[in-house]
């Protein structure tokens, strides 16, 4: 399966515009929550598609890199946002970045399309490129009853939901510091469309925050 803009966003017109606003608003809220006195030195959008959410990171970070596998999506991102650095990758399990390169990483509805055990190698790569003391923001399907497509042929199109607890276990000892339900256009057929999960790359322990809407 070749990912196109239609697969990245399964609606168009007014609905797509509203969805983009709602998602950018939520990502902006999470980015703002991790800034104390200075801008984020470097941030990345992993599996960035055509870069629809990447520009939000530029509001908070000195340097932003988008990673994408699909050449056509990458070409759109580079054409529309030439001031942002986009890098082509062959696989999400091997990112062209040094250890601890980024203080903030965004992964938006990407892991939900990768079956086990392949997803574990991607998780390990995320842990490698996020700097100690940095943050990782995931947004993924979290309804464990959701599974679409053939797990054994995921390259043809596959989606599965995993609980927040599952991601928390995979990323331990990183700390889950905040969660928030993903919000999109209200007339979408499913009401549960995933969860934002903000992880801190630290061994420290502390209370978890459930961020409210609005």
C-alpha atoms as a PDB file:
ATOM      1  CA  UNK A   1       0.000   0.000   0.000  1.00  0.00           C
ATOM      2  CA  UNK A   2       1.280   3.435  -0.936  1.00  0.00           C
ATOM      3  CA  UNK A   3       0.162   6.129   1.456  1.00  0.00           C
ATOM      4  CA  UNK A   4      -1.320   9.197  -0.249  1.00  0.00           C
ATOM      5  CA  UNK A   5      -2.827  12.402   1.087  1.00  0.00           C
ATOM      6  CA  UNK A   6      -6.243  10.703   0.963  1.00  0.00           C
ATOM      7  CA  UNK A   7      -5.120   7.968   3.348  1.00  0.00           C
ATOM      8  CA  UNK A   8      -3.438  10.479   5.673  1.00  0.00           C
ATOM      9  CA  UNK A   9      -6.683  12.441   6.023  1.00  0.00           C
ATOM     10  CA  UNK A  10      -9.813  10.453   5.191  1.00  0.00           C
ATOM     11  CA  UNK A  11     -12.032  13.523   4.791  1.00  0.00           C
ATOM     12  CA  UNK A  12     -11.744  16.632   2.634  1.00  0.00           C
ATOM     13  CA  UNK A  13     -13.156  20.119   2.262  1.00  0.00           C
ATOM     14  CA  UNK A  14     -14.638  21.775   5.374  1.00  0.00           C
ATOM     15  CA  UNK A  15     -14.251  18.642   7.493  1.00  0.00           C
ATOM     16  CA  UNK A  16     -10.546  18.394   6.724  1.00  0.00           C
ATOM     17  CA  UNK A  17     -10.079  22.068   7.579  1.00  0.00           C
ATOM     18  CA  UNK A  18     -11.859  21.671  10.919  1.00  0.00           C
ATOM     19  CA  UNK A  19      -9.910  18.510  11.742  1.00  0.00           C
ATOM     20  CA  UNK A  20      -6.596  20.224  10.986  1.00  0.00           C
ATOM     21  CA  UNK A  21      -7.503  23.089  13.321  1.00  0.00           C
ATOM     22  CA  UNK A  22      -8.572  20.806  16.171  1.00  0.00           C
ATOM     23  CA  UNK A  23      -5.467  18.637  15.904  1.00  0.00           C
ATOM     24  CA  UNK A  24      -3.082  21.570  15.590  1.00  0.00           C
ATOM     25  CA  UNK A  25      -4.758  23.204  18.589  1.00  0.00           C
ATOM     26  CA  UNK A  26      -4.197  20.107  20.724  1.00  0.00           C
ATOM     27  CA  UNK A  27      -0.573  19.670  19.653  1.00  0.00           C
ATOM     28  CA  UNK A  28       0.055  23.344  20.350  1.00  0.00           C
ATOM     29  CA  UNK A  29      -1.349  22.847  23.858  1.00  0.00           C
ATOM     30  CA  UNK A  30       0.987  19.939  24.544  1.00  0.00           C
ATOM     31  CA  UNK A  31       4.026  21.773  23.149  1.00  0.00           C
ATOM     32  CA  UNK A  32       3.290  24.783  25.321  1.00  0.00           C
ATOM     33  CA  UNK A  33       3.000  22.555  28.381  1.00  0.00           C
ATOM     34  CA  UNK A  34       6.635  21.377  28.171  1.00  0.00           C
ATOM     35  CA  UNK A  35       8.199  24.822  27.732  1.00  0.00           C
ATOM     36  CA  UNK A  36       9.374  26.481  30.916  1.00  0.00           C
ATOM     37  CA  UNK A  37      11.637  29.423  30.079  1.00  0.00           C
ATOM     38  CA  UNK A  38      13.023  28.773  26.599  1.00  0.00           C
ATOM     39  CA  UNK A  39      12.136  27.362  23.192  1.00  0.00           C
ATOM     40  CA  UNK A  40      12.620  23.687  22.439  1.00  0.00           C
ATOM     41  CA  UNK A  41      16.101  23.359  20.880  1.00  0.00           C
ATOM     42  CA  UNK A  42      15.112  20.669  18.348  1.00  0.00           C
ATOM     43  CA  UNK A  43      11.872  18.842  17.574  1.00  0.00           C
ATOM     44  CA  UNK A  44      10.812  16.241  15.027  1.00  0.00           C
ATOM     45  CA  UNK A  45       7.661  14.911  13.401  1.00  0.00           C
ATOM     46  CA  UNK A  46       8.123  11.182  12.745  1.00  0.00           C
ATOM     47  CA  UNK A  47       5.973   9.798   9.940  1.00  0.00           C
ATOM     48  CA  UNK A  48       5.010  13.367   9.074  1.00  0.00           C
ATOM     49  CA  UNK A  49       3.162  12.604   5.826  1.00  0.00           C
ATOM     50  CA  UNK A  50       2.746  15.781   3.808  1.00  0.00           C
ATOM     51  CA  UNK A  51       3.571  17.868   6.865  1.00  0.00           C
ATOM     52  CA  UNK A  52       0.097  18.922   7.920  1.00  0.00           C
ATOM     53  CA  UNK A  53       1.052  19.070  11.625  1.00  0.00           C
ATOM     54  CA  UNK A  54       4.779  19.781  11.344  1.00  0.00           C
ATOM     55  CA  UNK A  55       4.481  23.603  11.219  1.00  0.00           C
ATOM     56  CA  UNK A  56       3.020  23.663  14.737  1.00  0.00           C
ATOM     57  CA  UNK A  57       6.394  22.477  16.015  1.00  0.00           C
ATOM     58  CA  UNK A  58       8.118  25.485  14.424  1.00  0.00           C
ATOM     59  CA  UNK A  59       6.164  27.743  16.774  1.00  0.00           C
ATOM     60  CA  UNK A  60       7.978  26.194  19.744  1.00  0.00           C
ATOM     61  CA  UNK A  61      11.293  24.789  18.490  1.00  0.00           C
ATOM     62  CA  UNK A  62      14.471  26.359  17.142  1.00  0.00           C
ATOM     63  CA  UNK A  63      14.925  23.508  14.656  1.00  0.00           C
ATOM     64  CA  UNK A  64      12.355  21.085  13.241  1.00  0.00           C
ATOM     65  CA  UNK A  65      12.855  17.948  11.176  1.00  0.00           C
ATOM     66  CA  UNK A  66      10.140  15.891   9.521  1.00  0.00           C
ATOM     67  CA  UNK A  67      10.751  12.218   8.721  1.00  0.00           C
ATOM     68  CA  UNK A  68       8.723  10.479   6.009  1.00  0.00           C
ATOM     69  CA  UNK A  69       8.976   7.268   3.974  1.00  0.00           C
ATOM     70  CA  UNK A  70       6.580   7.975   1.098  1.00  0.00           C
ATOM     71  CA  UNK A  71       8.283   9.987  -1.635  1.00  0.00           C
ATOM     72  CA  UNK A  72       5.107  11.622  -2.934  1.00  0.00           C
ATOM     73  CA  UNK A  73       4.065  12.835   0.496  1.00  0.00           C
ATOM     74  CA  UNK A  74       7.591  14.061   1.156  1.00  0.00           C
ATOM     75  CA  UNK A  75       7.592  16.004  -2.114  1.00  0.00           C
ATOM     76  CA  UNK A  76       4.366  17.764  -1.112  1.00  0.00           C
ATOM     77  CA  UNK A  77       5.788  18.657   2.303  1.00  0.00           C
ATOM     78  CA  UNK A  78       9.013  20.015   0.817  1.00  0.00           C
ATOM     79  CA  UNK A  79       7.160  22.010  -1.812  1.00  0.00           C
ATOM     80  CA  UNK A  80       4.675  23.619   0.568  1.00  0.00           C
ATOM     81  CA  UNK A  81       7.072  24.176   3.483  1.00  0.00           C
ATOM     82  CA  UNK A  82      10.585  24.755   2.087  1.00  0.00           C
ATOM     83  CA  UNK A  83      11.769  26.391   5.313  1.00  0.00           C
ATOM     84  CA  UNK A  84      11.386  23.086   7.216  1.00  0.00           C
ATOM     85  CA  UNK A  85      13.881  20.258   6.879  1.00  0.00           C
ATOM     86  CA  UNK A  86      12.242  17.041   5.700  1.00  0.00           C
ATOM     87  CA  UNK A  87      14.239  13.803   5.517  1.00  0.00           C
ATOM     88  CA  UNK A  88      13.286  10.677   3.611  1.00  0.00           C
ATOM     89  CA  UNK A  89      13.632   7.405   5.501  1.00  0.00           C
ATOM     90  CA  UNK A  90      13.356   3.787   4.374  1.00  0.00           C
ATOM     91  CA  UNK A  91      11.876   2.586   7.638  1.00  0.00           C
ATOM     92  CA  UNK A  92      10.677   4.073  10.915  1.00  0.00           C
ATOM     93  CA  UNK A  93      13.002   1.741  12.777  1.00  0.00           C
ATOM     94  CA  UNK A  94      16.069   3.525  11.343  1.00  0.00           C
ATOM     95  CA  UNK A  95      15.873   7.303  11.526  1.00  0.00           C
ATOM     96  CA  UNK A  96      18.651   9.426  10.060  1.00  0.00           C
ATOM     97  CA  UNK A  97      19.449  11.165  13.348  1.00  0.00           C
ATOM     98  CA  UNK A  98      22.038  10.887  16.107  1.00  0.00           C
ATOM     99  CA  UNK A  99      21.245   9.559  19.566  1.00  0.00           C
ATOM    100  CA  UNK A 100      19.348  12.084  21.668  1.00  0.00           C
ATOM    101  CA  UNK A 101      18.948  14.525  18.760  1.00  0.00           C
ATOM    102  CA  UNK A 102      15.546  15.878  19.727  1.00  0.00           C
ATOM    103  CA  UNK A 103      14.059  17.365  22.880  1.00  0.00           C
ATOM    104  CA  UNK A 104      10.547  16.837  21.521  1.00  0.00           C
ATOM    105  CA  UNK A 105       9.178  14.207  19.135  1.00  0.00           C
ATOM    106  CA  UNK A 106       5.696  13.972  17.635  1.00  0.00           C
ATOM    107  CA  UNK A 107       4.325  10.658  16.353  1.00  0.00           C
ATOM    108  CA  UNK A 108       0.787  11.091  15.063  1.00  0.00           C
ATOM    109  CA  UNK A 109      -1.340   8.054  14.136  1.00  0.00           C
ATOM    110  CA  UNK A 110       1.689   6.074  12.955  1.00  0.00           C
ATOM    111  CA  UNK A 111       2.268   3.232  15.423  1.00  0.00           C
ATOM    112  CA  UNK A 112      -1.339   2.096  15.074  1.00  0.00           C
ATOM    113  CA  UNK A 113      -0.534   0.898  11.553  1.00  0.00           C
ATOM    114  CA  UNK A 114       2.453  -1.239  12.603  1.00  0.00           C
ATOM    115  CA  UNK A 115       1.790  -4.742  13.949  1.00  0.00           C
ATOM    116  CA  UNK A 116       3.762  -6.559  16.600  1.00  0.00           C
ATOM    117  CA  UNK A 117       6.589  -7.410  16.828  1.00  0.00           C
ATOM    118  CA  UNK A 118       7.713  -4.810  14.225  1.00  0.00           C
ATOM    119  CA  UNK A 119       6.334  -1.961  16.311  1.00  0.00           C
ATOM    120  CA  UNK A 120       8.852  -2.757  19.063  1.00  0.00           C
ATOM    121  CA  UNK A 121      11.780  -1.766  16.840  1.00  0.00           C
ATOM    122  CA  UNK A 122      10.099   1.563  16.126  1.00  0.00           C
ATOM    123  CA  UNK A 123       9.544   2.144  19.844  1.00  0.00           C
ATOM    124  CA  UNK A 124      13.246   1.461  20.426  1.00  0.00           C
ATOM    125  CA  UNK A 125      14.173   3.987  17.758  1.00  0.00           C
ATOM    126  CA  UNK A 126      11.963   6.639  19.331  1.00  0.00           C
ATOM    127  CA  UNK A 127      13.696   6.053  22.640  1.00  0.00           C
ATOM    128  CA  UNK A 128      17.066   6.449  20.896  1.00  0.00           C
ATOM    129  CA  UNK A 129      16.464   9.817  19.213  1.00  0.00           C
ATOM    130  CA  UNK A 130      14.680  11.597  22.100  1.00  0.00           C
ATOM    131  CA  UNK A 131      17.153  13.261  24.441  1.00  0.00           C
ATOM    132  CA  UNK A 132      17.149  12.593  28.206  1.00  0.00           C
ATOM    133  CA  UNK A 133      14.770  15.072  29.768  1.00  0.00           C
ATOM    134  CA  UNK A 134      12.907  15.429  26.471  1.00  0.00           C
ATOM    135  CA  UNK A 135       9.318  14.571  25.589  1.00  0.00           C
ATOM    136  CA  UNK A 136       7.503  12.263  23.192  1.00  0.00           C
ATOM    137  CA  UNK A 137       3.933  13.023  22.137  1.00  0.00           C
ATOM    138  CA  UNK A 138       2.023  10.079  20.688  1.00  0.00           C
ATOM    139  CA  UNK A 139      -1.462  10.188  19.244  1.00  0.00           C
ATOM    140  CA  UNK A 140      -2.761   6.713  18.443  1.00  0.00           C
ATOM    141  CA  UNK A 141      -5.893   4.571  18.378  1.00  0.00           C
ATOM    142  CA  UNK A 142      -6.360   3.247  21.908  1.00  0.00           C
ATOM    143  CA  UNK A 143      -9.502   1.109  21.605  1.00  0.00           C
ATOM    144  CA  UNK A 144      -8.170  -2.476  21.860  1.00  0.00           C
ATOM    145  CA  UNK A 145     -11.306  -3.769  20.102  1.00  0.00           C
ATOM    146  CA  UNK A 146     -10.308  -1.922  16.911  1.00  0.00           C
ATOM    147  CA  UNK A 147      -8.469  -3.989  14.316  1.00  0.00           C
ATOM    148  CA  UNK A 148      -8.784  -3.491  10.560  1.00  0.00           C
ATOM    149  CA  UNK A 149      -6.817  -5.219   7.837  1.00  0.00           C
ATOM    150  CA  UNK A 150      -4.557  -8.245   7.855  1.00  0.00           C
ATOM    151  CA  UNK A 151      -1.934  -8.239  10.603  1.00  0.00           C
ATOM    152  CA  UNK A 152       0.217 -10.601   8.529  1.00  0.00           C
ATOM    153  CA  UNK A 153       0.117  -8.275   5.501  1.00  0.00           C
ATOM    154  CA  UNK A 154       0.210  -4.898   7.201  1.00  0.00           C
ATOM    155  CA  UNK A 155       1.890  -3.305   4.181  1.00  0.00           C
ATOM    156  CA  UNK A 156      -1.489  -3.558   2.423  1.00  0.00           C
ATOM    157  CA  UNK A 157      -3.158  -1.450   5.093  1.00  0.00           C
ATOM    158  CA  UNK A 158      -3.600  -2.248   8.763  1.00  0.00           C
ATOM    159  CA  UNK A 159      -4.837  -0.441  11.862  1.00  0.00           C
ATOM    160  CA  UNK A 160      -5.111  -1.609  15.454  1.00  0.00           C
ATOM    161  CA  UNK A 161      -5.954  -0.009  18.751  1.00  0.00           C
ATOM    162  CA  UNK A 162      -3.759  -0.483  21.800  1.00  0.00           C
ATOM    163  CA  UNK A 163      -4.483   0.715  25.304  1.00  0.00           C
ATOM    164  CA  UNK A 164      -2.663   3.620  26.891  1.00  0.00           C
ATOM    165  CA  UNK A 165      -1.347   1.118  29.420  1.00  0.00           C
ATOM    166  CA  UNK A 166       0.258  -0.858  26.598  1.00  0.00           C
ATOM    167  CA  UNK A 167       2.189   2.161  25.365  1.00  0.00           C
ATOM    168  CA  UNK A 168       3.092   3.062  28.938  1.00  0.00           C
ATOM    169  CA  UNK A 169       4.574  -0.385  29.448  1.00  0.00           C
ATOM    170  CA  UNK A 170       6.516  -0.285  26.175  1.00  0.00           C
ATOM    171  CA  UNK A 171       8.064   3.087  26.980  1.00  0.00           C
ATOM    172  CA  UNK A 172       8.871   2.443  30.651  1.00  0.00           C
ATOM    173  CA  UNK A 173      10.726   3.787  32.557  1.00  0.00           C
ATOM    174  CA  UNK A 174       9.677   6.900  30.676  1.00  0.00           C
ATOM    175  CA  UNK A 175       6.839   8.592  32.522  1.00  0.00           C
ATOM    176  CA  UNK A 176       3.382   9.204  31.103  1.00  0.00           C
ATOM    177  CA  UNK A 177       2.700  12.758  32.247  1.00  0.00           C
ATOM    178  CA  UNK A 178      -0.497  13.662  30.375  1.00  0.00           C
ATOM    179  CA  UNK A 179      -3.273  12.161  28.267  1.00  0.00           C
ATOM    180  CA  UNK A 180      -6.147  13.663  26.323  1.00  0.00           C
ATOM    181  CA  UNK A 181      -8.771  12.182  23.986  1.00  0.00           C
ATOM    182  CA  UNK A 182      -8.197  13.065  20.341  1.00  0.00           C
ATOM    183  CA  UNK A 183     -10.960  15.334  19.022  1.00  0.00           C
ATOM    184  CA  UNK A 184     -11.945  15.603  15.350  1.00  0.00           C
ATOM    185  CA  UNK A 185     -15.072  16.681  13.455  1.00  0.00           C
ATOM    186  CA  UNK A 186     -18.215  15.756  15.469  1.00  0.00           C
ATOM    187  CA  UNK A 187     -20.009  13.902  12.655  1.00  0.00           C
ATOM    188  CA  UNK A 188     -17.242  11.312  12.206  1.00  0.00           C
ATOM    189  CA  UNK A 189     -18.699   7.754  12.345  1.00  0.00           C
ATOM    190  CA  UNK A 190     -16.663   6.756  15.420  1.00  0.00           C
ATOM    191  CA  UNK A 191     -16.624   8.774  18.636  1.00  0.00           C
ATOM    192  CA  UNK A 192     -13.427   7.194  20.008  1.00  0.00           C
ATOM    193  CA  UNK A 193     -10.648   8.132  17.566  1.00  0.00           C
ATOM    194  CA  UNK A 194      -7.643   7.780  19.835  1.00  0.00           C
ATOM    195  CA  UNK A 195      -5.700   9.399  22.634  1.00  0.00           C
ATOM    196  CA  UNK A 196      -2.840  11.871  22.970  1.00  0.00           C
ATOM    197  CA  UNK A 197      -0.121  10.545  25.274  1.00  0.00           C
ATOM    198  CA  UNK A 198       2.725  12.771  26.451  1.00  0.00           C
ATOM    199  CA  UNK A 199       5.776  10.933  27.774  1.00  0.00           C
ATOM    200  CA  UNK A 200       8.768  12.405  29.590  1.00  0.00           C
ATOM    201  CA  UNK A 201      12.117  10.740  28.891  1.00  0.00           C
ATOM    202  CA  UNK A 202      13.036  10.387  32.534  1.00  0.00           C
ATOM    203  CA  UNK A 203      13.148   7.768  35.288  1.00  0.00           C
ATOM    204  CA  UNK A 204      11.384  10.092  37.693  1.00  0.00           C
ATOM    205  CA  UNK A 205       7.935   9.233  38.953  1.00  0.00           C
ATOM    206  CA  UNK A 206       5.074  11.593  39.551  1.00  0.00           C
ATOM    207  CA  UNK A 207       1.335  12.121  39.120  1.00  0.00           C
ATOM    208  CA  UNK A 208      -0.293  11.686  35.734  1.00  0.00           C
ATOM    209  CA  UNK A 209      -2.405  14.507  34.326  1.00  0.00           C
ATOM    210  CA  UNK A 210      -5.589  13.989  32.310  1.00  0.00           C
ATOM    211  CA  UNK A 211      -5.874  17.138  30.187  1.00  0.00           C
ATOM    212  CA  UNK A 212      -9.448  18.290  29.680  1.00  0.00           C
ATOM    213  CA  UNK A 213     -10.974  19.538  26.461  1.00  0.00           C
ATOM    214  CA  UNK A 214     -11.210  23.170  25.493  1.00  0.00           C
END
